[in-house]
Amino acid sequence: MGKPVIAYEYGSGLYLNITNRCPTSCVFCIKRKWDMDYRGNDLNLRGIEPSSDEVINAISKKFSIQKHKEIVFCGYGEPTMRFDALKEVAQAVKFGKISTVPQETRIRINTNGLGNLVNGRDITVEMKGLVDSLNVSLNCADPEGWEKIMRPDPKFLEKGFESVKDFVKRAKGNVPEVLITAAEGLPCDRAALEKAAIELGVKLRMRPAL
């Protein structure tokens, strides 16, 4: 059994796998179908989450100015469940503490938008100056559809959907780019998603189904 991967490459990004924990169990999630593997990368942390220093070290070793245009917090888990560690890593990038990474390197978080509910505070204000882009996986524009697709932990069921929308609204004042995203092929109304994006004041990005 090999060592789990903390930093892996996809497209022009260097992706960071900092946790396998998640407050949702989305119907479209591939981590079980792919047995915690992603294109040859073993993302199963086996219950041992990397420290901030380990993540920073992984970035230092793998980041390439020639290949990578952004650093993306996205693994087989919800990155905002480790927001304090995430913030330390983002600070290391933006404050020039990683010699191989330019300070202006774009930082993106792919999230289900439950970060404020999970952390019990508005974490979007702490993203200011550190995070350049948030991709919030909404997937459905109504609470019933959202619950069926996202399958949140019971403790997030009652407030989850509205919390995600509030997260998006708050993030707009602190993060330069905020998008809501949805996976192609889900039984949700795209027109309703487009309307929700307009109401939230953000753009909608449809993600290809895997």
N, C-alpha and C. Protein backbone atom coordinates (compact mmCIF):
# COMPACT_ATOMS: atom_id res chain seq x y z
N MET A 1 0.84 -1.19 0.00
CA MET A 1 0.00 0.00 0.00
C MET A 1 0.88 1.24 0.00
N GLY A 2 0.72 2.10 -1.02
CA GLY A 2 1.56 3.27 -1.14
C GLY A 2 1.12 4.40 -0.22
N LYS A 3 1.90 5.45 -0.23
CA LYS A 3 1.61 6.61 0.59
C LYS A 3 0.53 7.46 -0.08
N PRO A 4 -0.47 7.92 0.65
CA PRO A 4 -1.53 8.73 0.03
C PRO A 4 -0.98 10.05 -0.51
N VAL A 5 -1.64 10.54 -1.54
CA VAL A 5 -1.20 11.75 -2.23
C VAL A 5 -1.82 12.99 -1.59
N ILE A 6 -1.00 13.98 -1.30
CA ILE A 6 -1.48 15.25 -0.75
C ILE A 6 -1.68 16.25 -1.88
N ALA A 7 -0.71 16.35 -2.79
CA ALA A 7 -0.79 17.29 -3.90
C ALA A 7 -0.73 16.52 -5.21
N TYR A 8 -1.70 16.78 -6.08
CA TYR A 8 -1.76 16.08 -7.37
C TYR A 8 -2.10 17.05 -8.48
N GLU A 9 -1.78 16.66 -9.68
CA GLU A 9 -1.96 17.55 -10.83
C GLU A 9 -3.20 17.19 -11.64
N TYR A 10 -3.89 18.22 -12.10
CA TYR A 10 -4.98 18.03 -13.05
C TYR A 10 -5.09 19.29 -13.88
N GLY A 11 -5.03 19.15 -15.19
CA GLY A 11 -5.05 20.32 -16.06
C GLY A 11 -3.90 21.25 -15.72
N SER A 12 -4.21 22.52 -15.53
CA SER A 12 -3.17 23.50 -15.20
C SER A 12 -3.14 23.82 -13.71
N GLY A 13 -3.75 22.94 -12.91
CA GLY A 13 -3.79 23.20 -11.48
C GLY A 13 -3.01 22.19 -10.67
N LEU A 14 -2.55 22.63 -9.50
CA LEU A 14 -2.00 21.72 -8.49
C LEU A 14 -3.07 21.62 -7.40
N TYR A 15 -3.62 20.43 -7.24
CA TYR A 15 -4.76 20.20 -6.35
C TYR A 15 -4.28 19.66 -5.01
N LEU A 16 -4.96 20.09 -3.96
CA LEU A 16 -4.56 19.71 -2.60
C LEU A 16 -5.64 18.87 -1.92
N ASN A 17 -5.25 17.71 -1.46
CA ASN A 17 -6.13 16.75 -0.81
C ASN A 17 -5.84 16.79 0.69
N ILE A 18 -6.60 17.63 1.44
CA ILE A 18 -6.24 17.86 2.84
C ILE A 18 -7.15 17.13 3.83
N THR A 19 -8.26 16.58 3.36
CA THR A 19 -9.15 15.82 4.24
C THR A 19 -10.03 14.90 3.40
N ASN A 20 -10.45 13.80 4.02
CA ASN A 20 -11.45 12.92 3.40
C ASN A 20 -12.82 13.09 4.07
N ARG A 21 -12.87 13.94 5.10
CA ARG A 21 -14.14 14.17 5.79
C ARG A 21 -15.04 15.08 4.97
N CYS A 22 -16.35 14.84 5.06
CA CYS A 22 -17.29 15.66 4.29
C CYS A 22 -18.65 15.66 4.97
N PRO A 23 -19.33 16.82 5.03
CA PRO A 23 -20.65 16.88 5.64
C PRO A 23 -21.77 16.45 4.70
N THR A 24 -21.42 16.08 3.48
CA THR A 24 -22.41 15.58 2.52
C THR A 24 -21.94 14.26 1.92
N SER A 25 -22.89 13.54 1.34
CA SER A 25 -22.57 12.29 0.65
C SER A 25 -23.26 12.35 -0.71
N CYS A 26 -22.73 13.17 -1.59
CA CYS A 26 -23.39 13.52 -2.85
C CYS A 26 -23.58 12.29 -3.76
N VAL A 27 -24.72 12.26 -4.43
CA VAL A 27 -25.03 11.11 -5.28
C VAL A 27 -24.03 10.98 -6.44
N PHE A 28 -23.43 12.09 -6.84
CA PHE A 28 -22.52 12.08 -7.98
C PHE A 28 -21.05 11.90 -7.59
N CYS A 29 -20.77 11.82 -6.30
CA CYS A 29 -19.38 11.73 -5.85
C CYS A 29 -18.74 10.43 -6.33
N ILE A 30 -17.53 10.55 -6.86
CA ILE A 30 -16.87 9.39 -7.47
C ILE A 30 -15.89 8.70 -6.53
N LYS A 31 -15.73 9.21 -5.32
CA LYS A 31 -14.65 8.66 -4.48
C LYS A 31 -14.87 7.19 -4.13
N ARG A 32 -16.13 6.79 -3.98
CA ARG A 32 -16.39 5.38 -3.68
C ARG A 32 -16.33 4.53 -4.95
N LYS A 33 -16.93 5.05 -6.01
CA LYS A 33 -16.91 4.31 -7.28
C LYS A 33 -15.48 4.10 -7.77
N TRP A 34 -14.63 5.08 -7.55
CA TRP A 34 -13.24 5.00 -7.98
C TRP A 34 -12.32 4.51 -6.87
N ASP A 35 -12.90 4.05 -5.77
CA ASP A 35 -12.13 3.47 -4.66
C ASP A 35 -11.04 4.43 -4.17
N MET A 36 -11.43 5.69 -3.99
CA MET A 36 -10.54 6.75 -3.46
C MET A 36 -9.33 7.03 -4.34
N ASP A 37 -9.37 6.57 -5.58
CA ASP A 37 -8.30 6.86 -6.53
C ASP A 37 -8.78 7.96 -7.47
N TYR A 38 -7.88 8.86 -7.86
CA TYR A 38 -8.24 9.86 -8.86
C TYR A 38 -7.15 9.90 -9.91
N ARG A 39 -7.46 9.29 -11.05
CA ARG A 39 -6.54 9.28 -12.20
C ARG A 39 -5.13 8.84 -11.80
N GLY A 40 -5.07 7.77 -11.03
CA GLY A 40 -3.79 7.21 -10.62
C GLY A 40 -3.23 7.78 -9.34
N ASN A 41 -3.97 8.69 -8.70
CA ASN A 41 -3.53 9.26 -7.43
C ASN A 41 -4.35 8.67 -6.28
N ASP A 42 -3.68 8.11 -5.31
CA ASP A 42 -4.35 7.54 -4.15
C ASP A 42 -4.67 8.67 -3.18
N LEU A 43 -5.96 9.04 -3.09
CA LEU A 43 -6.36 10.16 -2.24
C LEU A 43 -6.93 9.71 -0.90
N ASN A 44 -6.77 8.44 -0.59
CA ASN A 44 -7.26 7.91 0.68
C ASN A 44 -6.25 8.23 1.79
N LEU A 45 -6.60 9.18 2.63
CA LEU A 45 -5.69 9.61 3.70
C LEU A 45 -5.68 8.65 4.89
N ARG A 46 -6.61 7.71 4.86
CA ARG A 46 -6.68 6.65 5.89
C ARG A 46 -6.76 7.22 7.30
N GLY A 47 -7.50 8.31 7.43
CA GLY A 47 -7.75 8.89 8.75
C GLY A 47 -6.63 9.76 9.29
N ILE A 48 -5.54 9.89 8.54
CA ILE A 48 -4.41 10.71 9.00
C ILE A 48 -4.29 11.93 8.08
N GLU A 49 -4.81 13.06 8.54
CA GLU A 49 -4.81 14.27 7.72
C GLU A 49 -3.45 14.96 7.78
N PRO A 50 -2.97 15.46 6.64
CA PRO A 50 -1.65 16.11 6.63
C PRO A 50 -1.67 17.42 7.40
N SER A 51 -0.57 17.71 8.06
CA SER A 51 -0.43 18.99 8.76
C SER A 51 -0.26 20.10 7.73
N SER A 52 -0.40 21.33 8.17
CA SER A 52 -0.17 22.48 7.28
C SER A 52 1.23 22.42 6.70
N ASP A 53 2.22 22.10 7.53
CA ASP A 53 3.61 22.03 7.06
C ASP A 53 3.79 20.94 6.00
N GLU A 54 3.09 19.81 6.18
CA GLU A 54 3.19 18.74 5.18
C GLU A 54 2.57 19.16 3.85
N VAL A 55 1.47 19.90 3.91
CA VAL A 55 0.84 20.39 2.68
C VAL A 55 1.75 21.41 2.00
N ILE A 56 2.30 22.31 2.78
CA ILE A 56 3.22 23.33 2.23
C ILE A 56 4.44 22.66 1.59
N ASN A 57 4.95 21.63 2.24
CA ASN A 57 6.10 20.90 1.71
C ASN A 57 5.74 20.21 0.39
N ALA A 58 4.53 19.65 0.32
CA ALA A 58 4.08 19.00 -0.91
C ALA A 58 3.95 20.00 -2.05
N ILE A 59 3.46 21.19 -1.75
CA ILE A 59 3.37 22.25 -2.76
C ILE A 59 4.76 22.63 -3.24
N SER A 60 5.66 22.82 -2.30
CA SER A 60 7.03 23.23 -2.63
C SER A 60 7.70 22.25 -3.58
N LYS A 61 7.42 20.96 -3.38
CA LYS A 61 8.04 19.92 -4.20
C LYS A 61 7.39 19.79 -5.57
N LYS A 62 6.07 20.00 -5.65
CA LYS A 62 5.36 19.68 -6.89
C LYS A 62 4.99 20.87 -7.75
N PHE A 63 4.93 22.08 -7.16
CA PHE A 63 4.49 23.23 -7.94
C PHE A 63 5.50 23.58 -9.02
N SER A 64 4.98 23.84 -10.22
CA SER A 64 5.83 24.23 -11.36
C SER A 64 5.25 25.47 -12.01
N ILE A 65 6.05 26.53 -12.10
CA ILE A 65 5.59 27.77 -12.74
C ILE A 65 5.21 27.52 -14.19
N GLN A 66 5.90 26.60 -14.83
CA GLN A 66 5.63 26.30 -16.23
C GLN A 66 4.31 25.54 -16.42
N LYS A 67 3.93 24.73 -15.45
CA LYS A 67 2.75 23.87 -15.60
C LYS A 67 1.50 24.36 -14.87
N HIS A 68 1.68 25.02 -13.75
CA HIS A 68 0.54 25.29 -12.87
C HIS A 68 0.15 26.78 -12.84
N LYS A 69 -1.11 27.03 -13.13
CA LYS A 69 -1.63 28.40 -13.09
C LYS A 69 -2.38 28.68 -11.79
N GLU A 70 -2.73 27.64 -11.06
CA GLU A 70 -3.47 27.85 -9.82
C GLU A 70 -3.24 26.69 -8.86
N ILE A 71 -3.51 26.97 -7.59
CA ILE A 71 -3.52 25.96 -6.54
C ILE A 71 -4.98 25.80 -6.11
N VAL A 72 -5.45 24.54 -6.08
CA VAL A 72 -6.86 24.28 -5.83
C VAL A 72 -7.03 23.36 -4.62
N PHE A 73 -7.79 23.82 -3.64
CA PHE A 73 -8.14 22.97 -2.51
C PHE A 73 -9.32 22.11 -2.94
N CYS A 74 -9.02 20.87 -3.29
CA CYS A 74 -10.05 19.95 -3.79
C CYS A 74 -9.49 18.55 -3.78
N GLY A 75 -10.01 17.72 -2.88
CA GLY A 75 -9.61 16.31 -2.85
C GLY A 75 -10.86 15.47 -2.68
N TYR A 76 -10.74 14.37 -1.98
CA TYR A 76 -11.91 13.54 -1.69
C TYR A 76 -12.44 13.87 -0.30
N GLY A 77 -12.84 15.12 -0.12
CA GLY A 77 -13.37 15.59 1.14
C GLY A 77 -13.69 17.07 1.01
N GLU A 78 -14.32 17.65 2.01
CA GLU A 78 -14.68 19.07 2.00
C GLU A 78 -13.57 19.89 2.65
N PRO A 79 -12.83 20.69 1.86
CA PRO A 79 -11.65 21.38 2.40
C PRO A 79 -11.93 22.35 3.53
N THR A 80 -13.15 22.93 3.57
CA THR A 80 -13.42 23.90 4.64
C THR A 80 -13.63 23.23 5.99
N MET A 81 -13.68 21.90 6.02
CA MET A 81 -13.73 21.21 7.32
C MET A 81 -12.39 21.34 8.04
N ARG A 82 -11.36 21.74 7.28
CA ARG A 82 -10.05 22.02 7.88
C ARG A 82 -9.66 23.46 7.54
N PHE A 83 -10.57 24.37 7.80
CA PHE A 83 -10.36 25.74 7.32
C PHE A 83 -9.13 26.39 7.93
N ASP A 84 -8.86 26.14 9.19
CA ASP A 84 -7.69 26.79 9.81
C ASP A 84 -6.40 26.33 9.13
N ALA A 85 -6.31 25.04 8.82
CA ALA A 85 -5.13 24.53 8.11
C ALA A 85 -5.09 25.09 6.69
N LEU A 86 -6.25 25.12 6.05
CA LEU A 86 -6.35 25.68 4.69
C LEU A 86 -5.83 27.12 4.69
N LYS A 87 -6.25 27.89 5.66
CA LYS A 87 -5.84 29.30 5.74
C LYS A 87 -4.33 29.43 5.93
N GLU A 88 -3.76 28.59 6.76
CA GLU A 88 -2.30 28.63 6.96
C GLU A 88 -1.55 28.36 5.66
N VAL A 89 -2.04 27.40 4.89
CA VAL A 89 -1.40 27.08 3.61
C VAL A 89 -1.56 28.24 2.63
N ALA A 90 -2.75 28.81 2.56
CA ALA A 90 -2.98 29.95 1.66
C ALA A 90 -2.10 31.14 2.05
N GLN A 91 -1.94 31.36 3.34
CA GLN A 91 -1.07 32.45 3.81
C GLN A 91 0.38 32.21 3.39
N ALA A 92 0.81 30.97 3.47
CA ALA A 92 2.18 30.65 3.07
C ALA A 92 2.41 30.98 1.60
N VAL A 93 1.40 30.73 0.77
CA VAL A 93 1.51 31.06 -0.66
C VAL A 93 1.49 32.57 -0.85
N LYS A 94 0.49 33.23 -0.31
CA LYS A 94 0.28 34.65 -0.57
C LYS A 94 1.30 35.55 0.13
N PHE A 95 1.91 35.05 1.19
CA PHE A 95 2.92 35.85 1.90
C PHE A 95 4.34 35.50 1.45
N GLY A 96 4.45 34.71 0.37
CA GLY A 96 5.75 34.42 -0.21
C GLY A 96 6.64 33.50 0.61
N LYS A 97 6.02 32.61 1.38
CA LYS A 97 6.82 31.71 2.23
C LYS A 97 7.23 30.41 1.54
N ILE A 98 6.75 30.22 0.31
CA ILE A 98 7.14 29.03 -0.46
C ILE A 98 7.95 29.52 -1.66
N SER A 99 9.22 29.29 -1.64
CA SER A 99 10.13 29.90 -2.63
C SER A 99 9.81 29.50 -4.06
N THR A 100 9.21 28.33 -4.26
CA THR A 100 8.94 27.86 -5.62
C THR A 100 7.62 28.38 -6.19
N VAL A 101 6.85 29.09 -5.37
CA VAL A 101 5.52 29.54 -5.78
C VAL A 101 5.42 31.07 -5.76
N PRO A 102 5.12 31.70 -6.90
CA PRO A 102 4.93 33.16 -6.92
C PRO A 102 3.75 33.56 -6.04
N GLN A 103 3.86 34.69 -5.35
CA GLN A 103 2.81 35.15 -4.45
C GLN A 103 1.49 35.40 -5.16
N GLU A 104 1.57 35.76 -6.44
CA GLU A 104 0.34 36.07 -7.19
C GLU A 104 -0.38 34.83 -7.71
N THR A 105 0.14 33.65 -7.39
CA THR A 105 -0.52 32.42 -7.83
C THR A 105 -1.97 32.37 -7.35
N ARG A 106 -2.85 32.06 -8.26
CA ARG A 106 -4.28 32.01 -7.97
C ARG A 106 -4.59 30.83 -7.04
N ILE A 107 -5.42 31.09 -6.03
CA ILE A 107 -5.87 30.05 -5.11
C ILE A 107 -7.38 29.90 -5.25
N ARG A 108 -7.80 28.65 -5.47
CA ARG A 108 -9.23 28.35 -5.62
C ARG A 108 -9.63 27.30 -4.58
N ILE A 109 -10.87 27.41 -4.11
CA ILE A 109 -11.45 26.39 -3.24
C ILE A 109 -12.68 25.82 -3.94
N ASN A 110 -12.72 24.52 -4.10
CA ASN A 110 -13.93 23.83 -4.54
C ASN A 110 -14.64 23.34 -3.29
N THR A 111 -15.88 23.77 -3.08
CA THR A 111 -16.55 23.54 -1.81
C THR A 111 -18.02 23.25 -2.00
N ASN A 112 -18.62 22.61 -1.01
CA ASN A 112 -20.08 22.43 -1.04
C ASN A 112 -20.81 23.59 -0.38
N GLY A 113 -20.06 24.56 0.12
CA GLY A 113 -20.66 25.78 0.65
C GLY A 113 -21.17 25.70 2.08
N LEU A 114 -20.88 24.62 2.77
CA LEU A 114 -21.34 24.46 4.15
C LEU A 114 -20.30 24.92 5.18
N GLY A 115 -19.26 25.58 4.71
CA GLY A 115 -18.15 25.96 5.57
C GLY A 115 -18.52 26.82 6.77
N ASN A 116 -19.44 27.75 6.59
CA ASN A 116 -19.84 28.59 7.72
C ASN A 116 -20.59 27.77 8.77
N LEU A 117 -21.44 26.88 8.32
CA LEU A 117 -22.20 26.03 9.23
C LEU A 117 -21.27 25.06 9.96
N VAL A 118 -20.33 24.50 9.23
CA VAL A 118 -19.38 23.54 9.81
C VAL A 118 -18.50 24.21 10.87
N ASN A 119 -18.03 25.42 10.57
CA ASN A 119 -17.08 26.10 11.45
C ASN A 119 -17.73 26.99 12.50
N GLY A 120 -19.02 27.22 12.36
CA GLY A 120 -19.72 28.03 13.35
C GLY A 120 -19.38 29.50 13.30
N ARG A 121 -18.89 29.96 12.15
CA ARG A 121 -18.57 31.38 11.98
C ARG A 121 -18.51 31.69 10.49
N ASP A 122 -18.46 32.98 10.17
CA ASP A 122 -18.36 33.38 8.78
C ASP A 122 -16.89 33.30 8.34
N ILE A 123 -16.54 32.21 7.70
CA ILE A 123 -15.14 32.04 7.28
C ILE A 123 -14.82 32.84 6.03
N THR A 124 -15.84 33.35 5.34
CA THR A 124 -15.55 34.07 4.09
C THR A 124 -14.77 35.35 4.35
N VAL A 125 -14.97 35.98 5.52
CA VAL A 125 -14.23 37.21 5.82
C VAL A 125 -12.74 36.92 5.98
N GLU A 126 -12.42 35.68 6.37
CA GLU A 126 -11.03 35.28 6.56
C GLU A 126 -10.36 34.88 5.24
N MET A 127 -11.16 34.79 4.18
CA MET A 127 -10.61 34.45 2.87
C MET A 127 -10.08 35.66 2.12
N LYS A 128 -10.45 36.84 2.58
CA LYS A 128 -10.08 38.08 1.88
C LYS A 128 -8.57 38.20 1.76
N GLY A 129 -8.10 38.39 0.54
CA GLY A 129 -6.67 38.52 0.28
C GLY A 129 -5.94 37.19 0.18
N LEU A 130 -6.63 36.10 0.46
CA LEU A 130 -6.00 34.78 0.41
C LEU A 130 -6.58 33.90 -0.69
N VAL A 131 -7.88 34.00 -0.90
CA VAL A 131 -8.57 33.14 -1.87
C VAL A 131 -9.03 33.98 -3.05
N ASP A 132 -8.72 33.50 -4.25
CA ASP A 132 -9.08 34.23 -5.47
C ASP A 132 -10.37 33.75 -6.10
N SER A 133 -10.72 32.49 -5.85
CA SER A 133 -11.90 31.94 -6.49
C SER A 133 -12.56 30.88 -5.60
N LEU A 134 -13.90 30.92 -5.57
CA LEU A 134 -14.69 29.91 -4.86
C LEU A 134 -15.64 29.27 -5.85
N ASN A 135 -15.59 27.97 -5.98
CA ASN A 135 -16.56 27.23 -6.77
C ASN A 135 -17.46 26.47 -5.80
N VAL A 136 -18.69 26.92 -5.69
CA VAL A 136 -19.62 26.37 -4.71
C VAL A 136 -20.57 25.39 -5.40
N SER A 137 -20.49 24.14 -5.00
CA SER A 137 -21.27 23.07 -5.63
C SER A 137 -22.70 23.09 -5.07
N LEU A 138 -23.59 23.78 -5.79
CA LEU A 138 -24.98 23.91 -5.35
C LEU A 138 -25.85 22.79 -5.95
N ASN A 139 -25.73 22.60 -7.26
CA ASN A 139 -26.34 21.48 -7.99
C ASN A 139 -27.85 21.52 -8.16
N CYS A 140 -28.57 22.14 -7.25
CA CYS A 140 -30.02 22.22 -7.37
C CYS A 140 -30.48 23.54 -6.73
N ALA A 141 -31.52 24.15 -7.32
CA ALA A 141 -31.95 25.47 -6.87
C ALA A 141 -33.07 25.44 -5.84
N ASP A 142 -33.53 24.26 -5.46
CA ASP A 142 -34.58 24.17 -4.44
C ASP A 142 -34.10 23.25 -3.32
N PRO A 143 -34.57 23.49 -2.09
CA PRO A 143 -34.06 22.72 -0.95
C PRO A 143 -34.33 21.22 -1.03
N GLU A 144 -35.48 20.84 -1.56
CA GLU A 144 -35.80 19.42 -1.64
C GLU A 144 -34.84 18.70 -2.59
N GLY A 145 -34.64 19.30 -3.77
CA GLY A 145 -33.70 18.71 -4.73
C GLY A 145 -32.28 18.70 -4.21
N TRP A 146 -31.91 19.78 -3.52
CA TRP A 146 -30.55 19.86 -2.95
C TRP A 146 -30.33 18.74 -1.94
N GLU A 147 -31.32 18.51 -1.09
CA GLU A 147 -31.19 17.46 -0.08
C GLU A 147 -31.05 16.07 -0.71
N LYS A 148 -31.82 15.82 -1.77
CA LYS A 148 -31.76 14.51 -2.42
C LYS A 148 -30.42 14.27 -3.11
N ILE A 149 -29.84 15.32 -3.67
CA ILE A 149 -28.58 15.18 -4.42
C ILE A 149 -27.36 15.27 -3.51
N MET A 150 -27.39 16.20 -2.56
CA MET A 150 -26.22 16.41 -1.70
C MET A 150 -26.19 15.45 -0.50
N ARG A 151 -27.34 14.98 -0.08
CA ARG A 151 -27.46 14.05 1.05
C ARG A 151 -26.60 14.50 2.24
N PRO A 152 -26.95 15.66 2.84
CA PRO A 152 -26.15 16.18 3.94
C PRO A 152 -26.28 15.35 5.21
N ASP A 153 -25.26 15.45 6.06
CA ASP A 153 -25.32 14.89 7.38
C ASP A 153 -26.59 15.42 8.07
N PRO A 154 -27.31 14.59 8.82
CA PRO A 154 -28.56 15.02 9.44
C PRO A 154 -28.47 16.33 10.21
N LYS A 155 -27.33 16.60 10.85
CA LYS A 155 -27.22 17.83 11.63
C LYS A 155 -27.16 19.09 10.77
N PHE A 156 -26.93 18.91 9.46
CA PHE A 156 -26.91 20.06 8.55
C PHE A 156 -28.15 20.10 7.65
N LEU A 157 -29.06 19.19 7.88
CA LEU A 157 -30.21 19.06 7.00
C LEU A 157 -31.14 20.27 7.06
N GLU A 158 -31.47 20.71 8.24
CA GLU A 158 -32.45 21.78 8.40
C GLU A 158 -31.97 23.11 7.83
N LYS A 159 -30.72 23.47 8.11
CA LYS A 159 -30.23 24.80 7.73
C LYS A 159 -29.30 24.77 6.51
N GLY A 160 -29.00 23.57 6.00
CA GLY A 160 -27.97 23.43 4.98
C GLY A 160 -28.17 24.25 3.73
N PHE A 161 -29.29 24.10 3.07
CA PHE A 161 -29.51 24.77 1.79
C PHE A 161 -29.43 26.28 1.92
N GLU A 162 -30.13 26.83 2.91
CA GLU A 162 -30.10 28.28 3.10
C GLU A 162 -28.71 28.76 3.51
N SER A 163 -28.00 27.92 4.26
CA SER A 163 -26.64 28.28 4.66
C SER A 163 -25.71 28.40 3.46
N VAL A 164 -25.88 27.49 2.50
CA VAL A 164 -25.05 27.55 1.29
C VAL A 164 -25.31 28.85 0.53
N LYS A 165 -26.57 29.22 0.39
CA LYS A 165 -26.90 30.47 -0.32
C LYS A 165 -26.34 31.68 0.42
N ASP A 166 -26.43 31.65 1.75
CA ASP A 166 -25.88 32.75 2.55
C ASP A 166 -24.37 32.81 2.43
N PHE A 167 -23.73 31.64 2.37
CA PHE A 167 -22.28 31.55 2.18
C PHE A 167 -21.87 32.23 0.88
N VAL A 168 -22.62 31.96 -0.19
CA VAL A 168 -22.32 32.57 -1.49
C VAL A 168 -22.46 34.09 -1.41
N LYS A 169 -23.52 34.57 -0.80
CA LYS A 169 -23.75 36.01 -0.69
C LYS A 169 -22.64 36.69 0.10
N ARG A 170 -22.23 36.07 1.19
CA ARG A 170 -21.18 36.66 2.02
C ARG A 170 -19.83 36.61 1.31
N ALA A 171 -19.59 35.53 0.59
CA ALA A 171 -18.30 35.36 -0.09
C ALA A 171 -18.06 36.42 -1.14
N LYS A 172 -19.14 36.90 -1.77
CA LYS A 172 -18.99 37.89 -2.85
C LYS A 172 -18.25 39.14 -2.41
N GLY A 173 -18.37 39.50 -1.14
CA GLY A 173 -17.70 40.69 -0.64
C GLY A 173 -16.25 40.47 -0.24
N ASN A 174 -15.82 39.21 -0.27
CA ASN A 174 -14.48 38.89 0.22
C ASN A 174 -13.59 38.14 -0.77
N VAL A 175 -14.20 37.53 -1.77
CA VAL A 175 -13.46 36.73 -2.76
C VAL A 175 -13.75 37.29 -4.16
N PRO A 176 -12.70 37.57 -4.96
CA PRO A 176 -12.92 38.19 -6.27
C PRO A 176 -13.84 37.43 -7.21
N GLU A 177 -13.76 36.11 -7.22
CA GLU A 177 -14.60 35.31 -8.11
C GLU A 177 -15.36 34.25 -7.31
N VAL A 178 -16.67 34.29 -7.42
CA VAL A 178 -17.51 33.29 -6.77
C VAL A 178 -18.47 32.72 -7.81
N LEU A 179 -18.47 31.41 -7.95
CA LEU A 179 -19.36 30.73 -8.89
C LEU A 179 -20.19 29.70 -8.14
N ILE A 180 -21.42 29.45 -8.63
CA ILE A 180 -22.11 28.25 -8.21
C ILE A 180 -21.96 27.24 -9.34
N THR A 181 -21.82 25.97 -8.97
CA THR A 181 -21.60 24.94 -9.98
C THR A 181 -22.64 23.84 -9.83
N ALA A 182 -22.80 23.10 -10.93
CA ALA A 182 -23.72 21.95 -10.92
C ALA A 182 -23.18 20.91 -11.88
N ALA A 183 -23.33 19.66 -11.51
CA ALA A 183 -22.88 18.57 -12.37
C ALA A 183 -23.91 18.33 -13.47
N GLU A 184 -23.42 18.13 -14.68
CA GLU A 184 -24.31 17.81 -15.81
C GLU A 184 -25.03 16.49 -15.53
N GLY A 185 -26.26 16.40 -16.03
CA GLY A 185 -26.99 15.14 -15.97
C GLY A 185 -27.79 14.90 -14.70
N LEU A 186 -27.76 15.84 -13.75
CA LEU A 186 -28.55 15.68 -12.53
C LEU A 186 -30.00 16.05 -12.80
N PRO A 187 -30.93 15.45 -12.06
CA PRO A 187 -32.35 15.74 -12.28
C PRO A 187 -32.78 17.07 -11.67
N CYS A 188 -32.13 18.15 -12.08
CA CYS A 188 -32.46 19.48 -11.58
C CYS A 188 -32.65 20.43 -12.75
N ASP A 189 -33.42 21.46 -12.52
CA ASP A 189 -33.80 22.42 -13.56
C ASP A 189 -32.67 23.42 -13.78
N ARG A 190 -32.08 23.35 -14.98
CA ARG A 190 -30.97 24.27 -15.26
C ARG A 190 -31.44 25.72 -15.28
N ALA A 191 -32.63 25.95 -15.81
CA ALA A 191 -33.17 27.32 -15.84
C ALA A 191 -33.31 27.87 -14.43
N ALA A 192 -33.72 27.02 -13.51
CA ALA A 192 -33.85 27.44 -12.11
C ALA A 192 -32.49 27.75 -11.50
N LEU A 193 -31.48 26.97 -11.89
CA LEU A 193 -30.12 27.24 -11.42
C LEU A 193 -29.60 28.56 -11.97
N GLU A 194 -29.89 28.82 -13.23
CA GLU A 194 -29.47 30.08 -13.84
C GLU A 194 -30.15 31.27 -13.16
N LYS A 195 -31.41 31.09 -12.81
CA LYS A 195 -32.14 32.13 -12.09
C LYS A 195 -31.54 32.34 -10.70
N ALA A 196 -31.20 31.25 -10.04
CA ALA A 196 -30.59 31.34 -8.70
C ALA A 196 -29.26 32.08 -8.77
N ALA A 197 -28.48 31.80 -9.80
CA ALA A 197 -27.20 32.48 -9.96
C ALA A 197 -27.40 33.99 -10.10
N ILE A 198 -28.39 34.38 -10.89
CA ILE A 198 -28.69 35.80 -11.07
C ILE A 198 -29.11 36.43 -9.74
N GLU A 199 -29.97 35.73 -9.01
CA GLU A 199 -30.44 36.25 -7.72
C GLU A 199 -29.31 36.38 -6.70
N LEU A 200 -28.35 35.46 -6.77
CA LEU A 200 -27.21 35.50 -5.86
C LEU A 200 -26.11 36.45 -6.33
N GLY A 201 -26.23 36.88 -7.59
CA GLY A 201 -25.24 37.81 -8.14
C GLY A 201 -23.93 37.17 -8.54
N VAL A 202 -24.00 35.88 -8.92
CA VAL A 202 -22.80 35.15 -9.34
C VAL A 202 -23.06 34.44 -10.66
N LYS A 203 -22.04 33.78 -11.19
CA LYS A 203 -22.19 33.02 -12.42
C LYS A 203 -22.40 31.55 -12.12
N LEU A 204 -23.03 30.86 -13.07
CA LEU A 204 -23.24 29.41 -12.98
C LEU A 204 -22.25 28.70 -13.90
N ARG A 205 -21.60 27.68 -13.40
CA ARG A 205 -20.74 26.83 -14.24
C ARG A 205 -21.24 25.39 -14.17
N MET A 206 -21.53 24.83 -15.32
CA MET A 206 -21.93 23.42 -15.37
C MET A 206 -20.67 22.57 -15.49
N ARG A 207 -20.54 21.58 -14.61
CA ARG A 207 -19.39 20.69 -14.62
C ARG A 207 -19.74 19.42 -15.38
N PRO A 208 -18.82 18.92 -16.19
CA PRO A 208 -19.09 17.65 -16.87
C PRO A 208 -19.20 16.51 -15.87
N ALA A 209 -20.15 15.61 -16.10
CA ALA A 209 -20.31 14.45 -15.22
C ALA A 209 -19.14 13.48 -15.46
N LEU A 210 -18.67 12.87 -14.39
CA LEU A 210 -17.55 11.92 -14.50
C LEU A 210 -18.08 10.50 -14.51
